[in-house]
Amino acid sequence: MKEVRVAYALIHSEETQQVLMVHNKKNGSWTLPGGLVEPSESLAEAAVREAKEETGLDVEVTTILAVNEAKLQVKNEHVTFVTFKAKRINGEILIQDTEKIAEAVWKSYSEADEVMTYHPGGIESLLRNGVPYVYEGVIVPT
């Protein structure tokens, strides 16, 4: 079974209680910005790169909010999904990967919860219960 790693960036606004989501052209699903981790990347680097490609925003990742796994028998893959809390540091929404992403939209926490059923506690629970991200023995500051 092939091991696959996927990193997501949960970019949110505490003031408006919204999260930035992307609409994927391939299957019509709404997800957080994210994608496959390339062989030379750390999980955090992949989340930052994918956020830039899919939203145009420069972000900084801090804590890990969730780790999910799935065994996809059809593809013979074992996929590990890591979701990072991400802080917007620069840029405007401008999709760079237009072949894969139809749009990037701010959605309320409740709207996001409706389409992200793989996080049973919802967005607010994720934001409340994150854990530090440690890279090569060093805790990345939050």
C-alpha atoms as a PDB file:
ATOM      1  CA  MET A   1       0.000   0.000   0.000  1.00  0.00           C
ATOM      2  CA  LYS A   2       1.415   3.374  -1.035  1.00  0.00           C
ATOM      3  CA  GLU A   3       1.898   5.994   1.713  1.00  0.00           C
ATOM      4  CA  VAL A   4       0.607   9.467   0.818  1.00  0.00           C
ATOM      5  CA  ARG A   5       0.848  12.668   2.874  1.00  0.00           C
ATOM      6  CA  VAL A   6      -1.492  15.637   2.458  1.00  0.00           C
ATOM      7  CA  ALA A   7      -1.187  19.002   4.230  1.00  0.00           C
ATOM      8  CA  TYR A   8      -3.979  21.567   4.660  1.00  0.00           C
ATOM      9  CA  ALA A   9      -3.996  25.178   5.884  1.00  0.00           C
ATOM     10  CA  LEU A  10      -6.954  26.352   7.946  1.00  0.00           C
ATOM     11  CA  ILE A  11      -6.899  30.107   7.303  1.00  0.00           C
ATOM     12  CA  HIS A  12      -9.507  31.804   9.462  1.00  0.00           C
ATOM     13  CA  SER A  13     -10.779  35.138  10.663  1.00  0.00           C
ATOM     14  CA  GLU A  14     -11.641  35.294  14.359  1.00  0.00           C
ATOM     15  CA  GLU A  15     -13.456  38.611  13.851  1.00  0.00           C
ATOM     16  CA  THR A  16     -15.910  37.287  11.261  1.00  0.00           C
ATOM     17  CA  GLN A  17     -15.721  33.626  12.330  1.00  0.00           C
ATOM     18  CA  GLN A  18     -15.021  32.527   8.781  1.00  0.00           C
ATOM     19  CA  VAL A  19     -12.620  30.100   7.166  1.00  0.00           C
ATOM     20  CA  LEU A  20     -11.149  30.271   3.658  1.00  0.00           C
ATOM     21  CA  MET A  21     -12.207  27.301   1.539  1.00  0.00           C
ATOM     22  CA  VAL A  22     -11.497  26.277  -2.037  1.00  0.00           C
ATOM     23  CA  HIS A  23     -13.825  24.689  -4.582  1.00  0.00           C
ATOM     24  CA  ASN A  24     -12.050  21.821  -6.351  1.00  0.00           C
ATOM     25  CA  LYS A  25     -12.812  21.395 -10.059  1.00  0.00           C
ATOM     26  CA  LYS A  26     -11.971  17.668 -10.171  1.00  0.00           C
ATOM     27  CA  ASN A  27     -14.778  16.468  -7.921  1.00  0.00           C
ATOM     28  CA  GLY A  28     -16.748  19.605  -7.050  1.00  0.00           C
ATOM     29  CA  SER A  29     -15.843  19.368  -3.367  1.00  0.00           C
ATOM     30  CA  TRP A  30     -15.085  22.196  -0.946  1.00  0.00           C
ATOM     31  CA  THR A  31     -11.924  21.794   1.134  1.00  0.00           C
ATOM     32  CA  LEU A  32      -9.357  23.815   2.950  1.00  0.00           C
ATOM     33  CA  PRO A  33      -6.422  24.880   0.778  1.00  0.00           C
ATOM     34  CA  GLY A  34      -4.012  21.959   0.654  1.00  0.00           C
ATOM     35  CA  GLY A  35      -2.599  19.049  -1.246  1.00  0.00           C
ATOM     36  CA  LEU A  36       0.094  16.436  -1.615  1.00  0.00           C
ATOM     37  CA  VAL A  37       3.386  16.833   0.207  1.00  0.00           C
ATOM     38  CA  GLU A  38       6.253  16.695  -2.279  1.00  0.00           C
ATOM     39  CA  PRO A  39       9.236  14.422  -1.460  1.00  0.00           C
ATOM     40  CA  SER A  40      11.557  17.320  -0.578  1.00  0.00           C
ATOM     41  CA  GLU A  41       9.022  19.182   1.617  1.00  0.00           C
ATOM     42  CA  SER A  42       8.087  19.182   5.263  1.00  0.00           C
ATOM     43  CA  LEU A  43       4.394  19.054   6.083  1.00  0.00           C
ATOM     44  CA  ALA A  44       4.429  22.760   6.984  1.00  0.00           C
ATOM     45  CA  GLU A  45       6.203  23.743   3.770  1.00  0.00           C
ATOM     46  CA  ALA A  46       3.583  21.885   1.740  1.00  0.00           C
ATOM     47  CA  ALA A  47       0.713  23.601   3.567  1.00  0.00           C
ATOM     48  CA  VAL A  48       2.266  27.031   2.924  1.00  0.00           C
ATOM     49  CA  ARG A  49       2.955  26.255  -0.762  1.00  0.00           C
ATOM     50  CA  GLU A  50      -0.516  24.836  -1.372  1.00  0.00           C
ATOM     51  CA  ALA A  51      -2.178  27.821   0.319  1.00  0.00           C
ATOM     52  CA  LYS A  52      -0.257  30.149  -2.001  1.00  0.00           C
ATOM     53  CA  GLU A  53      -1.098  28.142  -5.130  1.00  0.00           C
ATOM     54  CA  GLU A  54      -4.769  27.757  -4.288  1.00  0.00           C
ATOM     55  CA  THR A  55      -5.557  31.166  -2.752  1.00  0.00           C
ATOM     56  CA  GLY A  56      -2.735  33.570  -3.627  1.00  0.00           C
ATOM     57  CA  LEU A  57      -2.137  34.250   0.076  1.00  0.00           C
ATOM     58  CA  ASP A  58       1.158  34.027   1.896  1.00  0.00           C
ATOM     59  CA  VAL A  59       0.547  32.217   5.168  1.00  0.00           C
ATOM     60  CA  GLU A  60       2.477  31.091   8.205  1.00  0.00           C
ATOM     61  CA  VAL A  61       1.486  27.808   9.836  1.00  0.00           C
ATOM     62  CA  THR A  62       1.521  27.362  13.577  1.00  0.00           C
ATOM     63  CA  THR A  63      -0.199  24.526  15.387  1.00  0.00           C
ATOM     64  CA  ILE A  64      -1.448  21.221  14.080  1.00  0.00           C
ATOM     65  CA  LEU A  65      -5.213  21.156  14.408  1.00  0.00           C
ATOM     66  CA  ALA A  66      -5.953  17.636  13.173  1.00  0.00           C
ATOM     67  CA  VAL A  67      -4.429  14.445  11.861  1.00  0.00           C
ATOM     68  CA  ASN A  68      -6.749  12.194   9.878  1.00  0.00           C
ATOM     69  CA  GLU A  69      -6.033   8.918   8.101  1.00  0.00           C
ATOM     70  CA  ALA A  70      -7.787   6.893   5.440  1.00  0.00           C
ATOM     71  CA  LYS A  71      -7.025   3.672   3.610  1.00  0.00           C
ATOM     72  CA  LEU A  72      -8.240   4.077   0.054  1.00  0.00           C
ATOM     73  CA  GLN A  73      -8.566   0.518  -1.187  1.00  0.00           C
ATOM     74  CA  VAL A  74      -9.472   1.589  -4.729  1.00  0.00           C
ATOM     75  CA  LYS A  75      -6.158   3.429  -5.116  1.00  0.00           C
ATOM     76  CA  ASN A  76      -4.275   1.104  -2.740  1.00  0.00           C
ATOM     77  CA  GLU A  77      -3.180   4.142  -0.710  1.00  0.00           C
ATOM     78  CA  HIS A  78      -2.818   4.914   2.972  1.00  0.00           C
ATOM     79  CA  VAL A  79      -3.306   8.672   3.239  1.00  0.00           C
ATOM     80  CA  THR A  80      -2.372  10.831   6.221  1.00  0.00           C
ATOM     81  CA  PHE A  81      -3.994  14.282   6.266  1.00  0.00           C
ATOM     82  CA  VAL A  82      -2.489  16.982   8.505  1.00  0.00           C
ATOM     83  CA  THR A  83      -4.385  20.237   9.060  1.00  0.00           C
ATOM     84  CA  PHE A  84      -2.440  23.290  10.263  1.00  0.00           C
ATOM     85  CA  LYS A  85      -3.736  26.516  11.720  1.00  0.00           C
ATOM     86  CA  ALA A  86      -2.495  29.210   9.344  1.00  0.00           C
ATOM     87  CA  LYS A  87      -2.144  32.956   9.713  1.00  0.00           C
ATOM     88  CA  ARG A  88      -2.452  35.199   6.666  1.00  0.00           C
ATOM     89  CA  ILE A  89       0.655  37.352   6.413  1.00  0.00           C
ATOM     90  CA  ASN A  90       0.354  38.887   2.952  1.00  0.00           C
ATOM     91  CA  GLY A  91      -1.466  38.886  -0.363  1.00  0.00           C
ATOM     92  CA  GLU A  92      -4.917  39.031  -1.827  1.00  0.00           C
ATOM     93  CA  ILE A  93      -7.097  36.146  -2.920  1.00  0.00           C
ATOM     94  CA  LEU A  94      -5.928  35.239  -6.413  1.00  0.00           C
ATOM     95  CA  ILE A  95      -5.963  31.585  -7.429  1.00  0.00           C
ATOM     96  CA  GLN A  96      -2.719  30.533  -9.103  1.00  0.00           C
ATOM     97  CA  ASP A  97      -3.676  26.887  -9.743  1.00  0.00           C
ATOM     98  CA  THR A  98      -6.685  27.605 -11.969  1.00  0.00           C
ATOM     99  CA  GLU A  99      -6.621  24.101 -13.487  1.00  0.00           C
ATOM    100  CA  LYS A 100      -7.580  22.549 -10.136  1.00  0.00           C
ATOM    101  CA  ILE A 101      -9.319  25.316  -8.170  1.00  0.00           C
ATOM    102  CA  ALA A 102     -12.566  26.989  -9.324  1.00  0.00           C
ATOM    103  CA  GLU A 103     -12.819  29.550  -6.518  1.00  0.00           C
ATOM    104  CA  ALA A 104     -11.637  30.498  -3.037  1.00  0.00           C
ATOM    105  CA  VAL A 105     -14.358  31.788  -0.719  1.00  0.00           C
ATOM    106  CA  TRP A 106     -14.693  32.803   2.930  1.00  0.00           C
ATOM    107  CA  LYS A 107     -17.339  30.589   4.570  1.00  0.00           C
ATOM    108  CA  SER A 108     -18.813  30.778   8.054  1.00  0.00           C
ATOM    109  CA  TYR A 109     -17.692  28.116  10.505  1.00  0.00           C
ATOM    110  CA  SER A 110     -21.119  26.455  10.246  1.00  0.00           C
ATOM    111  CA  GLU A 111     -20.992  26.410   6.421  1.00  0.00           C
ATOM    112  CA  ALA A 112     -17.511  24.865   6.567  1.00  0.00           C
ATOM    113  CA  ASP A 113     -18.696  22.270   9.079  1.00  0.00           C
ATOM    114  CA  GLU A 114     -21.434  21.153   6.672  1.00  0.00           C
ATOM    115  CA  VAL A 115     -18.916  20.181   3.972  1.00  0.00           C
ATOM    116  CA  MET A 116     -16.046  19.018   6.224  1.00  0.00           C
ATOM    117  CA  THR A 117     -17.753  16.160   8.020  1.00  0.00           C
ATOM    118  CA  TYR A 118     -14.400  14.440   8.589  1.00  0.00           C
ATOM    119  CA  HIS A 119     -13.843  16.885  11.495  1.00  0.00           C
ATOM    120  CA  PRO A 120     -16.660  15.715  13.800  1.00  0.00           C
ATOM    121  CA  GLY A 121     -16.149  18.484  16.384  1.00  0.00           C
ATOM    122  CA  GLY A 122     -16.254  21.207  13.750  1.00  0.00           C
ATOM    123  CA  ILE A 123     -14.037  24.216  13.044  1.00  0.00           C
ATOM    124  CA  GLU A 124     -14.407  25.833  16.465  1.00  0.00           C
ATOM    125  CA  SER A 125     -13.308  22.632  18.181  1.00  0.00           C
ATOM    126  CA  LEU A 126     -10.260  22.367  15.895  1.00  0.00           C
ATOM    127  CA  LEU A 127      -9.215  25.939  16.650  1.00  0.00           C
ATOM    128  CA  ARG A 128      -9.601  25.390  20.384  1.00  0.00           C
ATOM    129  CA  ASN A 129      -7.723  22.083  20.633  1.00  0.00           C
ATOM    130  CA  GLY A 130      -4.591  22.332  18.448  1.00  0.00           C
ATOM    131  CA  VAL A 131      -1.208  20.863  19.342  1.00  0.00           C
ATOM    132  CA  PRO A 132       2.300  22.286  18.717  1.00  0.00           C
ATOM    133  CA  TYR A 133       4.063  21.504  15.463  1.00  0.00           C
ATOM    134  CA  VAL A 134       7.567  20.189  16.112  1.00  0.00           C
ATOM    135  CA  TYR A 135      10.033  20.159  13.231  1.00  0.00           C
ATOM    136  CA  GLU A 136      13.432  18.564  13.771  1.00  0.00           C
ATOM    137  CA  GLY A 137      13.054  18.845  17.528  1.00  0.00           C
ATOM    138  CA  VAL A 138      12.053  22.510  17.595  1.00  0.00           C
ATOM    139  CA  ILE A 139       8.553  23.732  18.421  1.00  0.00           C
ATOM    140  CA  VAL A 140       7.368  26.144  15.741  1.00  0.00           C
ATOM    141  CA  PRO A 141       6.124  29.317  17.486  1.00  0.00           C
ATOM    142  CA  THR A 142       2.394  29.986  17.585  1.00  0.00           C
END
